[in-house]
Amino acid sequence: MLRVDHDRWGQTQTDLREMALNAAHARSRERFLALHEIAEGACATQVAMRTGRHPQTVMGWLHAYNEHGPEALSYQRSGGRPPFARTSPPRLANRFEPRNARRPVRQLPKPR
């Protein structure tokens, strides 16, 4: 059975719970909460089933924590496409303009 080696890092089960509640990113919170549940006596497979993760993923978090400490579970963006951020105003701002402001109103021909 796998165990959380929190004593090695000078932490307690309560510290794991506090880290889960106060982590900056949701992925970090999920990882620390999983470790807290395992430290409380839950099986890694049960935690994985409850969270919708693969059991090997949860066990990987446990091994990373035991070998490298809490910093190993903190989420860090590893690259790829940057998060979506617009520099121009969103399209919804135009939604509230009058319809004729977007498209010129067609004028009738002048009588002769």
PDB file of N, CA and C in Angstrom:
ATOM      1  N   MET A   1       0.836  -1.187   0.000  1.00  0.00           N
ATOM      2  CA  MET A   1       0.000   0.000   0.000  1.00  0.00           C
ATOM      3  C   MET A   1       0.877   1.245   0.000  1.00  0.00           C
ATOM      4  N   LEU A   2       0.535   2.204  -0.821  1.00  0.00           N
ATOM      5  CA  LEU A   2       1.289   3.443  -0.915  1.00  0.00           C
ATOM      6  C   LEU A   2       0.914   4.386   0.224  1.00  0.00           C
ATOM      7  N   ARG A   3       1.903   5.106   0.696  1.00  0.00           N
ATOM      8  CA  ARG A   3       1.673   6.054   1.786  1.00  0.00           C
ATOM      9  C   ARG A   3       2.253   7.416   1.408  1.00  0.00           C
ATOM     10  N   VAL A   4       1.624   8.447   1.937  1.00  0.00           N
ATOM     11  CA  VAL A   4       2.114   9.810   1.740  1.00  0.00           C
ATOM     12  C   VAL A   4       3.190  10.063   2.781  1.00  0.00           C
ATOM     13  N   ASP A   5       4.392  10.407   2.333  1.00  0.00           N
ATOM     14  CA  ASP A   5       5.524  10.640   3.229  1.00  0.00           C
ATOM     15  C   ASP A   5       5.612  12.128   3.569  1.00  0.00           C
ATOM     16  N   HIS A   6       4.596  12.632   4.274  1.00  0.00           N
ATOM     17  CA  HIS A   6       4.563  14.067   4.584  1.00  0.00           C
ATOM     18  C   HIS A   6       5.551  14.429   5.677  1.00  0.00           C
ATOM     19  N   ASP A   7       5.953  13.465   6.524  1.00  0.00           N
ATOM     20  CA  ASP A   7       6.940  13.741   7.571  1.00  0.00           C
ATOM     21  C   ASP A   7       8.289  14.127   6.975  1.00  0.00           C
ATOM     22  N   ARG A   8       8.610  13.557   5.845  1.00  0.00           N
ATOM     23  CA  ARG A   8       9.884  13.852   5.177  1.00  0.00           C
ATOM     24  C   ARG A   8      10.008  15.330   4.834  1.00  0.00           C
ATOM     25  N   TRP A   9       8.877  15.963   4.568  1.00  0.00           N
ATOM     26  CA  TRP A   9       8.868  17.372   4.167  1.00  0.00           C
ATOM     27  C   TRP A   9       8.417  18.286   5.306  1.00  0.00           C
ATOM     28  N   GLY A  10       8.357  17.737   6.508  1.00  0.00           N
ATOM     29  CA  GLY A  10       7.989  18.546   7.671  1.00  0.00           C
ATOM     30  C   GLY A  10       6.543  19.001   7.638  1.00  0.00           C
ATOM     31  N   GLN A  11       5.669  18.171   7.098  1.00  0.00           N
ATOM     32  CA  GLN A  11       4.263  18.535   6.990  1.00  0.00           C
ATOM     33  C   GLN A  11       3.398  17.507   7.702  1.00  0.00           C
ATOM     34  N   THR A  12       2.135  17.879   7.858  1.00  0.00           N
ATOM     35  CA  THR A  12       1.158  16.978   8.448  1.00  0.00           C
ATOM     36  C   THR A  12       0.007  16.802   7.460  1.00  0.00           C
ATOM     37  N   GLN A  13      -0.940  15.951   7.823  1.00  0.00           N
ATOM     38  CA  GLN A  13      -2.125  15.772   6.982  1.00  0.00           C
ATOM     39  C   GLN A  13      -2.914  17.076   6.893  1.00  0.00           C
ATOM     40  N   THR A  14      -2.941  17.821   7.975  1.00  0.00           N
ATOM     41  CA  THR A  14      -3.636  19.111   7.988  1.00  0.00           C
ATOM     42  C   THR A  14      -2.972  20.088   7.033  1.00  0.00           C
ATOM     43  N   ASP A  15      -1.642  20.043   6.945  1.00  0.00           N
ATOM     44  CA  ASP A  15      -0.930  20.919   6.002  1.00  0.00           C
ATOM     45  C   ASP A  15      -1.317  20.603   4.559  1.00  0.00           C
ATOM     46  N   LEU A  16      -1.475  19.321   4.259  1.00  0.00           N
ATOM     47  CA  LEU A  16      -1.893  18.937   2.906  1.00  0.00           C
ATOM     48  C   LEU A  16      -3.276  19.494   2.587  1.00  0.00           C
ATOM     49  N   ARG A  17      -4.158  19.443   3.573  1.00  0.00           N
ATOM     50  CA  ARG A  17      -5.510  19.978   3.363  1.00  0.00           C
ATOM     51  C   ARG A  17      -5.465  21.489   3.174  1.00  0.00           C
ATOM     52  N   GLU A  18      -4.660  22.176   3.962  1.00  0.00           N
ATOM     53  CA  GLU A  18      -4.520  23.634   3.827  1.00  0.00           C
ATOM     54  C   GLU A  18      -3.940  24.001   2.459  1.00  0.00           C
ATOM     55  N   MET A  19      -2.980  23.220   2.000  1.00  0.00           N
ATOM     56  CA  MET A  19      -2.408  23.473   0.675  1.00  0.00           C
ATOM     57  C   MET A  19      -3.458  23.252  -0.405  1.00  0.00           C
ATOM     58  N   ALA A  20      -4.331  22.258  -0.205  1.00  0.00           N
ATOM     59  CA  ALA A  20      -5.394  21.989  -1.172  1.00  0.00           C
ATOM     60  C   ALA A  20      -6.398  23.132  -1.204  1.00  0.00           C
ATOM     61  N   LEU A  21      -6.681  23.717  -0.065  1.00  0.00           N
ATOM     62  CA  LEU A  21      -7.660  24.804  -0.010  1.00  0.00           C
ATOM     63  C   LEU A  21      -7.106  26.136  -0.488  1.00  0.00           C
ATOM     64  N   ASN A  22      -5.790  26.328  -0.370  1.00  0.00           N
ATOM     65  CA  ASN A  22      -5.197  27.631  -0.663  1.00  0.00           C
ATOM     66  C   ASN A  22      -4.343  27.683  -1.914  1.00  0.00           C
ATOM     67  N   ALA A  23      -4.253  26.603  -2.660  1.00  0.00           N
ATOM     68  CA  ALA A  23      -3.423  26.593  -3.869  1.00  0.00           C
ATOM     69  C   ALA A  23      -3.997  27.566  -4.901  1.00  0.00           C
ATOM     70  N   ALA A  24      -3.127  28.151  -5.682  1.00  0.00           N
ATOM     71  CA  ALA A  24      -3.542  29.171  -6.645  1.00  0.00           C
ATOM     72  C   ALA A  24      -4.279  28.584  -7.847  1.00  0.00           C
ATOM     73  N   HIS A  25      -3.969  27.371  -8.227  1.00  0.00           N
ATOM     74  CA  HIS A  25      -4.555  26.784  -9.426  1.00  0.00           C
ATOM     75  C   HIS A  25      -5.398  25.563  -9.072  1.00  0.00           C
ATOM     76  N   ALA A  26      -6.468  25.348  -9.815  1.00  0.00           N
ATOM     77  CA  ALA A  26      -7.388  24.240  -9.544  1.00  0.00           C
ATOM     78  C   ALA A  26      -6.698  22.880  -9.658  1.00  0.00           C
ATOM     79  N   ARG A  27      -5.763  22.758 -10.572  1.00  0.00           N
ATOM     80  CA  ARG A  27      -5.063  21.471 -10.722  1.00  0.00           C
ATOM     81  C   ARG A  27      -4.209  21.158  -9.499  1.00  0.00           C
ATOM     82  N   SER A  28      -3.573  22.181  -8.949  1.00  0.00           N
ATOM     83  CA  SER A  28      -2.793  21.978  -7.726  1.00  0.00           C
ATOM     84  C   SER A  28      -3.707  21.606  -6.567  1.00  0.00           C
ATOM     85  N   ARG A  29      -4.852  22.269  -6.463  1.00  0.00           N
ATOM     86  CA  ARG A  29      -5.804  21.957  -5.399  1.00  0.00           C
ATOM     87  C   ARG A  29      -6.259  20.504  -5.491  1.00  0.00           C
ATOM     88  N   GLU A  30      -6.541  20.049  -6.712  1.00  0.00           N
ATOM     89  CA  GLU A  30      -6.983  18.668  -6.916  1.00  0.00           C
ATOM     90  C   GLU A  30      -5.900  17.684  -6.451  1.00  0.00           C
ATOM     91  N   ARG A  31      -4.664  17.960  -6.775  1.00  0.00           N
ATOM     92  CA  ARG A  31      -3.566  17.056  -6.435  1.00  0.00           C
ATOM     93  C   ARG A  31      -3.349  16.977  -4.927  1.00  0.00           C
ATOM     94  N   PHE A  32      -3.344  18.144  -4.265  1.00  0.00           N
ATOM     95  CA  PHE A  32      -3.132  18.140  -2.817  1.00  0.00           C
ATOM     96  C   PHE A  32      -4.309  17.516  -2.075  1.00  0.00           C
ATOM     97  N   LEU A  33      -5.511  17.718  -2.579  1.00  0.00           N
ATOM     98  CA  LEU A  33      -6.676  17.105  -1.947  1.00  0.00           C
ATOM     99  C   LEU A  33      -6.632  15.585  -2.102  1.00  0.00           C
ATOM    100  N   ALA A  34      -6.178  15.100  -3.250  1.00  0.00           N
ATOM    101  CA  ALA A  34      -6.034  13.656  -3.445  1.00  0.00           C
ATOM    102  C   ALA A  34      -5.022  13.085  -2.453  1.00  0.00           C
ATOM    103  N   LEU A  35      -3.909  13.781  -2.258  1.00  0.00           N
ATOM    104  CA  LEU A  35      -2.907  13.314  -1.292  1.00  0.00           C
ATOM    105  C   LEU A  35      -3.458  13.343   0.121  1.00  0.00           C
ATOM    106  N   HIS A  36      -4.239  14.364   0.426  1.00  0.00           N
ATOM    107  CA  HIS A  36      -4.834  14.436   1.760  1.00  0.00           C
ATOM    108  C   HIS A  36      -5.747  13.237   2.007  1.00  0.00           C
ATOM    109  N   GLU A  37      -6.554  12.886   1.006  1.00  0.00           N
ATOM    110  CA  GLU A  37      -7.448  11.734   1.156  1.00  0.00           C
ATOM    111  C   GLU A  37      -6.668  10.437   1.327  1.00  0.00           C
ATOM    112  N   ILE A  38      -5.569  10.303   0.598  1.00  0.00           N
ATOM    113  CA  ILE A  38      -4.740   9.101   0.727  1.00  0.00           C
ATOM    114  C   ILE A  38      -4.092   9.061   2.106  1.00  0.00           C
ATOM    115  N   ALA A  39      -3.644  10.220   2.600  1.00  0.00           N
ATOM    116  CA  ALA A  39      -3.038  10.278   3.930  1.00  0.00           C
ATOM    117  C   ALA A  39      -4.060   9.948   5.015  1.00  0.00           C
ATOM    118  N   GLU A  40      -5.324  10.222   4.757  1.00  0.00           N
ATOM    119  CA  GLU A  40      -6.395   9.905   5.709  1.00  0.00           C
ATOM    120  C   GLU A  40      -6.765   8.426   5.682  1.00  0.00           C
ATOM    121  N   GLY A  41      -6.227   7.672   4.732  1.00  0.00           N
ATOM    122  CA  GLY A  41      -6.471   6.240   4.694  1.00  0.00           C
ATOM    123  C   GLY A  41      -7.164   5.729   3.452  1.00  0.00           C
ATOM    124  N   ALA A  42      -7.494   6.605   2.523  1.00  0.00           N
ATOM    125  CA  ALA A  42      -8.144   6.157   1.288  1.00  0.00           C
ATOM    126  C   ALA A  42      -7.118   5.510   0.370  1.00  0.00           C
ATOM    127  N   CYS A  43      -7.592   4.645  -0.487  1.00  0.00           N
ATOM    128  CA  CYS A  43      -6.749   3.985  -1.487  1.00  0.00           C
ATOM    129  C   CYS A  43      -6.624   4.910  -2.701  1.00  0.00           C
ATOM    130  N   ALA A  44      -5.463   4.913  -3.332  1.00  0.00           N
ATOM    131  CA  ALA A  44      -5.252   5.765  -4.503  1.00  0.00           C
ATOM    132  C   ALA A  44      -6.233   5.415  -5.621  1.00  0.00           C
ATOM    133  N   THR A  45      -6.572   4.178  -5.765  1.00  0.00           N
ATOM    134  CA  THR A  45      -7.530   3.767  -6.793  1.00  0.00           C
ATOM    135  C   THR A  45      -8.918   4.315  -6.494  1.00  0.00           C
ATOM    136  N   GLN A  46      -9.310   4.306  -5.224  1.00  0.00           N
ATOM    137  CA  GLN A  46     -10.607   4.868  -4.849  1.00  0.00           C
ATOM    138  C   GLN A  46     -10.651   6.372  -5.110  1.00  0.00           C
ATOM    139  N   VAL A  47      -9.577   7.046  -4.774  1.00  0.00           N
ATOM    140  CA  VAL A  47      -9.504   8.494  -5.016  1.00  0.00           C
ATOM    141  C   VAL A  47      -9.588   8.765  -6.505  1.00  0.00           C
ATOM    142  N   ALA A  48      -8.909   7.961  -7.300  1.00  0.00           N
ATOM    143  CA  ALA A  48      -8.937   8.137  -8.752  1.00  0.00           C
ATOM    144  C   ALA A  48     -10.339   7.939  -9.299  1.00  0.00           C
ATOM    145  N   MET A  49     -11.035   6.929  -8.836  1.00  0.00           N
ATOM    146  CA  MET A  49     -12.394   6.687  -9.310  1.00  0.00           C
ATOM    147  C   MET A  49     -13.320   7.826  -8.912  1.00  0.00           C
ATOM    148  N   ARG A  50     -13.150   8.345  -7.715  1.00  0.00           N
ATOM    149  CA  ARG A  50     -14.000   9.422  -7.213  1.00  0.00           C
ATOM    150  C   ARG A  50     -13.760  10.734  -7.966  1.00  0.00           C
ATOM    151  N   THR A  51     -12.524  10.967  -8.394  1.00  0.00           N
ATOM    152  CA  THR A  51     -12.198  12.222  -9.074  1.00  0.00           C
ATOM    153  C   THR A  51     -12.253  12.121 -10.589  1.00  0.00           C
ATOM    154  N   GLY A  52     -12.422  10.910 -11.110  1.00  0.00           N
ATOM    155  CA  GLY A  52     -12.474  10.748 -12.554  1.00  0.00           C
ATOM    156  C   GLY A  52     -11.105  10.713 -13.210  1.00  0.00           C
ATOM    157  N   ARG A  53     -10.079  10.465 -12.431  1.00  0.00           N
ATOM    158  CA  ARG A  53      -8.711  10.349 -12.947  1.00  0.00           C
ATOM    159  C   ARG A  53      -8.321   8.890 -13.082  1.00  0.00           C
ATOM    160  N   HIS A  54      -7.279   8.643 -13.851  1.00  0.00           N
ATOM    161  CA  HIS A  54      -6.741   7.296 -13.972  1.00  0.00           C
ATOM    162  C   HIS A  54      -5.945   6.992 -12.700  1.00  0.00           C
ATOM    163  N   PRO A  55      -6.025   5.774 -12.193  1.00  0.00           N
ATOM    164  CA  PRO A  55      -5.287   5.443 -10.965  1.00  0.00           C
ATOM    165  C   PRO A  55      -3.782   5.700 -11.063  1.00  0.00           C
ATOM    166  N   GLN A  56      -3.203   5.459 -12.242  1.00  0.00           N
ATOM    167  CA  GLN A  56      -1.768   5.713 -12.389  1.00  0.00           C
ATOM    168  C   GLN A  56      -1.437   7.203 -12.271  1.00  0.00           C
ATOM    169  N   THR A  57      -2.378   8.061 -12.653  1.00  0.00           N
ATOM    170  CA  THR A  57      -2.161   9.501 -12.527  1.00  0.00           C
ATOM    171  C   THR A  57      -2.066   9.884 -11.056  1.00  0.00           C
ATOM    172  N   VAL A  58      -3.001   9.392 -10.260  1.00  0.00           N
ATOM    173  CA  VAL A  58      -3.000   9.701  -8.827  1.00  0.00           C
ATOM    174  C   VAL A  58      -1.754   9.116  -8.163  1.00  0.00           C
ATOM    175  N   MET A  59      -1.382   7.909  -8.537  1.00  0.00           N
ATOM    176  CA  MET A  59      -0.166   7.311  -7.983  1.00  0.00           C
ATOM    177  C   MET A  59       1.078   8.094  -8.407  1.00  0.00           C
ATOM    178  N   GLY A  60       1.052   8.649  -9.609  1.00  0.00           N
ATOM    179  CA  GLY A  60       2.152   9.493 -10.056  1.00  0.00           C
ATOM    180  C   GLY A  60       2.284  10.752  -9.208  1.00  0.00           C
ATOM    181  N   TRP A  61       1.133  11.341  -8.832  1.00  0.00           N
ATOM    182  CA  TRP A  61       1.173  12.504  -7.936  1.00  0.00           C
ATOM    183  C   TRP A  61       1.783  12.118  -6.592  1.00  0.00           C
ATOM    184  N   LEU A  62       1.411  10.946  -6.103  1.00  0.00           N
ATOM    185  CA  LEU A  62       1.919  10.471  -4.821  1.00  0.00           C
ATOM    186  C   LEU A  62       3.429  10.253  -4.879  1.00  0.00           C
ATOM    187  N   HIS A  63       3.901   9.599  -5.928  1.00  0.00           N
ATOM    188  CA  HIS A  63       5.348   9.364  -6.072  1.00  0.00           C
ATOM    189  C   HIS A  63       6.102  10.679  -6.239  1.00  0.00           C
ATOM    190  N   ALA A  64       5.548  11.613  -7.008  1.00  0.00           N
ATOM    191  CA  ALA A  64       6.208  12.912  -7.207  1.00  0.00           C
ATOM    192  C   ALA A  64       6.325  13.655  -5.883  1.00  0.00           C
ATOM    193  N   TYR A  65       5.262  13.635  -5.084  1.00  0.00           N
ATOM    194  CA  TYR A  65       5.311  14.297  -3.777  1.00  0.00           C
ATOM    195  C   TYR A  65       6.333  13.632  -2.867  1.00  0.00           C
ATOM    196  N   ASN A  66       6.326  12.299  -2.802  1.00  0.00           N
ATOM    197  CA  ASN A  66       7.244  11.595  -1.914  1.00  0.00           C
ATOM    198  C   ASN A  66       8.701  11.812  -2.310  1.00  0.00           C
ATOM    199  N   GLU A  67       8.981  11.959  -3.602  1.00  0.00           N
ATOM    200  CA  GLU A  67      10.364  12.101  -4.060  1.00  0.00           C
ATOM    201  C   GLU A  67      10.844  13.547  -4.092  1.00  0.00           C
ATOM    202  N   HIS A  68       9.946  14.482  -4.448  1.00  0.00           N
ATOM    203  CA  HIS A  68      10.390  15.861  -4.691  1.00  0.00           C
ATOM    204  C   HIS A  68       9.710  16.910  -3.833  1.00  0.00           C
ATOM    205  N   GLY A  69       8.748  16.528  -3.036  1.00  0.00           N
ATOM    206  CA  GLY A  69       8.091  17.468  -2.139  1.00  0.00           C
ATOM    207  C   GLY A  69       6.892  18.160  -2.759  1.00  0.00           C
ATOM    208  N   PRO A  70       6.312  19.102  -2.028  1.00  0.00           N
ATOM    209  CA  PRO A  70       5.082  19.758  -2.477  1.00  0.00           C
ATOM    210  C   PRO A  70       5.249  20.584  -3.749  1.00  0.00           C
ATOM    211  N   GLU A  71       6.445  21.051  -4.041  1.00  0.00           N
ATOM    212  CA  GLU A  71       6.664  21.836  -5.259  1.00  0.00           C
ATOM    213  C   GLU A  71       6.395  21.015  -6.511  1.00  0.00           C
ATOM    214  N   ALA A  72       6.538  19.707  -6.405  1.00  0.00           N
ATOM    215  CA  ALA A  72       6.330  18.839  -7.563  1.00  0.00           C
ATOM    216  C   ALA A  72       4.861  18.779  -7.979  1.00  0.00           C
ATOM    217  N   LEU A  73       3.946  19.129  -7.085  1.00  0.00           N
ATOM    218  CA  LEU A  73       2.523  19.063  -7.407  1.00  0.00           C
ATOM    219  C   LEU A  73       1.932  20.408  -7.801  1.00  0.00           C
ATOM    220  N   SER A  74       2.701  21.465  -7.680  1.00  0.00           N
ATOM    221  CA  SER A  74       2.195  22.784  -8.063  1.00  0.00           C
ATOM    222  C   SER A  74       2.115  22.866  -9.577  1.00  0.00           C
ATOM    223  N   TYR A  75       0.955  23.277 -10.062  1.00  0.00           N
ATOM    224  CA  TYR A  75       0.744  23.349 -11.508  1.00  0.00           C
ATOM    225  C   TYR A  75       1.572  24.474 -12.097  1.00  0.00           C
ATOM    226  N   GLN A  76       2.256  24.155 -13.197  1.00  0.00           N
ATOM    227  CA  GLN A  76       2.986  25.158 -13.964  1.00  0.00           C
ATOM    228  C   GLN A  76       2.674  24.933 -15.420  1.00  0.00           C
ATOM    229  N   ARG A  77       2.305  25.983 -16.075  1.00  0.00           N
ATOM    230  CA  ARG A  77       1.976  25.892 -17.487  1.00  0.00           C
ATOM    231  C   ARG A  77       3.225  25.484 -18.259  1.00  0.00           C
ATOM    232  N   SER A  78       3.105  24.464 -19.088  1.00  0.00           N
ATOM    233  CA  SER A  78       4.284  23.900 -19.748  1.00  0.00           C
ATOM    234  C   SER A  78       4.465  24.369 -21.181  1.00  0.00           C
ATOM    235  N   GLY A  79       3.615  25.231 -21.652  1.00  0.00           N
ATOM    236  CA  GLY A  79       3.769  25.725 -23.015  1.00  0.00           C
ATOM    237  C   GLY A  79       2.501  25.532 -23.804  1.00  0.00           C
ATOM    238  N   GLY A  80       2.651  25.576 -25.095  1.00  0.00           N
ATOM    239  CA  GLY A  80       1.488  25.449 -25.950  1.00  0.00           C
ATOM    240  C   GLY A  80       0.870  26.796 -26.231  1.00  0.00           C
ATOM    241  N   ARG A  81      -0.307  26.751 -26.740  1.00  0.00           N
ATOM    242  CA  ARG A  81      -1.007  27.973 -27.096  1.00  0.00           C
ATOM    243  C   ARG A  81      -1.345  28.768 -25.831  1.00  0.00           C
ATOM    244  N   PRO A  82      -1.144  30.086 -25.846  1.00  0.00           N
ATOM    245  CA  PRO A  82      -1.446  30.873 -24.648  1.00  0.00           C
ATOM    246  C   PRO A  82      -2.948  30.906 -24.381  1.00  0.00           C
ATOM    247  N   PRO A  83      -3.324  31.173 -23.143  1.00  0.00           N
ATOM    248  CA  PRO A  83      -4.744  31.274 -22.835  1.00  0.00           C
ATOM    249  C   PRO A  83      -5.402  32.360 -23.671  1.00  0.00           C
ATOM    250  N   PHE A  84      -6.687  32.187 -23.945  1.00  0.00           N
ATOM    251  CA  PHE A  84      -7.425  33.110 -24.784  1.00  0.00           C
ATOM    252  C   PHE A  84      -7.532  34.466 -24.108  1.00  0.00           C
ATOM    253  N   ALA A  85      -7.067  35.493 -24.790  1.00  0.00           N
ATOM    254  CA  ALA A  85      -7.194  36.864 -24.283  1.00  0.00           C
ATOM    255  C   ALA A  85      -7.324  37.793 -25.482  1.00  0.00           C
ATOM    256  N   ARG A  86      -8.371  38.574 -25.494  1.00  0.00           N
ATOM    257  CA  ARG A  86      -8.616  39.501 -26.599  1.00  0.00           C
ATOM    258  C   ARG A  86      -8.028  40.864 -26.266  1.00  0.00           C
ATOM    259  N   THR A  87      -7.499  41.501 -27.277  1.00  0.00           N
ATOM    260  CA  THR A  87      -7.024  42.870 -27.088  1.00  0.00           C
ATOM    261  C   THR A  87      -8.079  43.863 -27.544  1.00  0.00           C
ATOM    262  N   SER A  88      -8.988  43.432 -28.397  1.00  0.00           N
ATOM    263  CA  SER A  88     -10.062  44.305 -28.844  1.00  0.00           C
ATOM    264  C   SER A  88     -11.311  44.026 -28.012  1.00  0.00           C
ATOM    265  N   PRO A  89     -12.268  44.959 -28.006  1.00  0.00           N
ATOM    266  CA  PRO A  89     -13.478  44.707 -27.221  1.00  0.00           C
ATOM    267  C   PRO A  89     -14.229  43.497 -27.754  1.00  0.00           C
ATOM    268  N   PRO A  90     -14.889  42.779 -26.898  1.00  0.00           N
ATOM    269  CA  PRO A  90     -15.608  41.586 -27.346  1.00  0.00           C
ATOM    270  C   PRO A  90     -16.769  41.928 -28.265  1.00  0.00           C
ATOM    271  N   ARG A  91     -17.157  40.954 -29.052  1.00  0.00           N
ATOM    272  CA  ARG A  91     -18.252  41.161 -29.996  1.00  0.00           C
ATOM    273  C   ARG A  91     -19.574  41.454 -29.303  1.00  0.00           C
ATOM    274  N   LEU A  92     -19.734  40.986 -28.115  1.00  0.00           N
ATOM    275  CA  LEU A  92     -20.985  41.211 -27.413  1.00  0.00           C
ATOM    276  C   LEU A  92     -21.234  42.689 -27.153  1.00  0.00           C
ATOM    277  N   ALA A  93     -20.169  43.492 -27.114  1.00  0.00           N
ATOM    278  CA  ALA A  93     -20.359  44.921 -26.914  1.00  0.00           C
ATOM    279  C   ALA A  93     -21.137  45.511 -28.088  1.00  0.00           C
ATOM    280  N   ASN A  94     -20.933  44.976 -29.286  1.00  0.00           N
ATOM    281  CA  ASN A  94     -21.650  45.471 -30.462  1.00  0.00           C
ATOM    282  C   ASN A  94     -23.101  45.018 -30.479  1.00  0.00           C
ATOM    283  N   ARG A  95     -23.405  44.020 -29.715  1.00  0.00           N
ATOM    284  CA  ARG A  95     -24.744  43.453 -29.714  1.00  0.00           C
ATOM    285  C   ARG A  95     -25.791  44.468 -29.255  1.00  0.00           C
ATOM    286  N   PHE A  96     -25.378  45.388 -28.404  1.00  0.00           N
ATOM    287  CA  PHE A  96     -26.319  46.332 -27.837  1.00  0.00           C
ATOM    288  C   PHE A  96     -26.420  47.629 -28.619  1.00  0.00           C
ATOM    289  N   GLU A  97     -25.669  47.756 -29.699  1.00  0.00           N
ATOM    290  CA  GLU A  97     -25.798  48.919 -30.558  1.00  0.00           C
ATOM    291  C   GLU A  97     -27.053  48.775 -31.408  1.00  0.00           C
ATOM    292  N   PRO A  98     -27.632  49.894 -31.856  1.00  0.00           N
ATOM    293  CA  PRO A  98     -28.763  49.773 -32.770  1.00  0.00           C
ATOM    294  C   PRO A  98     -28.339  49.076 -34.051  1.00  0.00           C
ATOM    295  N   ARG A  99     -29.248  48.338 -34.660  1.00  0.00           N
ATOM    296  CA  ARG A  99     -28.902  47.559 -35.849  1.00  0.00           C
ATOM    297  C   ARG A  99     -28.420  48.437 -36.989  1.00  0.00           C
ATOM    298  N   ASN A 100     -28.986  49.608 -37.151  1.00  0.00           N
ATOM    299  CA  ASN A 100     -28.573  50.451 -38.264  1.00  0.00           C
ATOM    300  C   ASN A 100     -27.203  51.080 -38.030  1.00  0.00           C
ATOM    301  N   ALA A 101     -26.640  50.952 -36.840  1.00  0.00           N
ATOM    302  CA  ALA A 101     -25.307  51.487 -36.585  1.00  0.00           C
ATOM    303  C   ALA A 101     -24.249  50.601 -37.238  1.00  0.00           C
ATOM    304  N   ARG A 102     -24.547  49.344 -37.412  1.00  0.00           N
ATOM    305  CA  ARG A 102     -23.591  48.430 -38.029  1.00  0.00           C
ATOM    306  C   ARG A 102     -23.662  48.485 -39.551  1.00  0.00           C
ATOM    307  N   ARG A 103     -24.825  48.703 -40.069  1.00  0.00           N
ATOM    308  CA  ARG A 103     -25.040  48.643 -41.500  1.00  0.00           C
ATOM    309  C   ARG A 103     -25.752  49.932 -41.917  1.00  0.00           C
ATOM    310  N   PRO A 104     -25.260  50.591 -42.944  1.00  0.00           N
ATOM    311  CA  PRO A 104     -25.940  51.827 -43.340  1.00  0.00           C
ATOM    312  C   PRO A 104     -27.365  51.542 -43.799  1.00  0.00           C
ATOM    313  N   VAL A 105     -28.247  52.446 -43.463  1.00  0.00           N
ATOM    314  CA  VAL A 105     -29.644  52.307 -43.859  1.00  0.00           C
ATOM    315  C   VAL A 105     -29.770  52.646 -45.319  1.00  0.00           C
ATOM    316  N   ARG A 106     -30.485  51.820 -46.032  1.00  0.00           N
ATOM    317  CA  ARG A 106     -30.650  52.027 -47.474  1.00  0.00           C
ATOM    318  C   ARG A 106     -31.614  53.199 -47.697  1.00  0.00           C
ATOM    319  N   GLN A 107     -31.190  54.127 -48.534  1.00  0.00           N
ATOM    320  CA  GLN A 107     -31.979  55.308 -48.826  1.00  0.00           C
ATOM    321  C   GLN A 107     -32.811  55.073 -50.088  1.00  0.00           C
ATOM    322  N   LEU A 108     -34.017  55.591 -50.067  1.00  0.00           N
ATOM    323  CA  LEU A 108     -34.861  55.534 -51.262  1.00  0.00           C
ATOM    324  C   LEU A 108     -34.343  56.530 -52.300  1.00  0.00           C
ATOM    325  N   PRO A 109     -34.497  56.223 -53.573  1.00  0.00           N
ATOM    326  CA  PRO A 109     -34.037  57.187 -54.578  1.00  0.00           C
ATOM    327  C   PRO A 109     -34.852  58.477 -54.506  1.00  0.00           C
ATOM    328  N   LYS A 110     -34.217  59.579 -54.802  1.00  0.00           N
ATOM    329  CA  LYS A 110     -34.889  60.868 -54.754  1.00  0.00           C
ATOM    330  C   LYS A 110     -35.827  61.010 -55.954  1.00  0.00           C
ATOM    331  N   PRO A 111     -37.024  61.608 -55.739  1.00  0.00           N
ATOM    332  CA  PRO A 111     -37.953  61.753 -56.864  1.00  0.00           C
ATOM    333  C   PRO A 111     -37.433  62.781 -57.858  1.00  0.00           C
ATOM    334  N   ARG A 112     -37.814  62.636 -59.148  1.00  0.00           N
ATOM    335  CA  ARG A 112     -37.344  63.530 -60.207  1.00  0.00           C
ATOM    336  C   ARG A 112     -38.317  64.576 -60.525  1.00  0.00           C
TER     337      ARG A 112
END
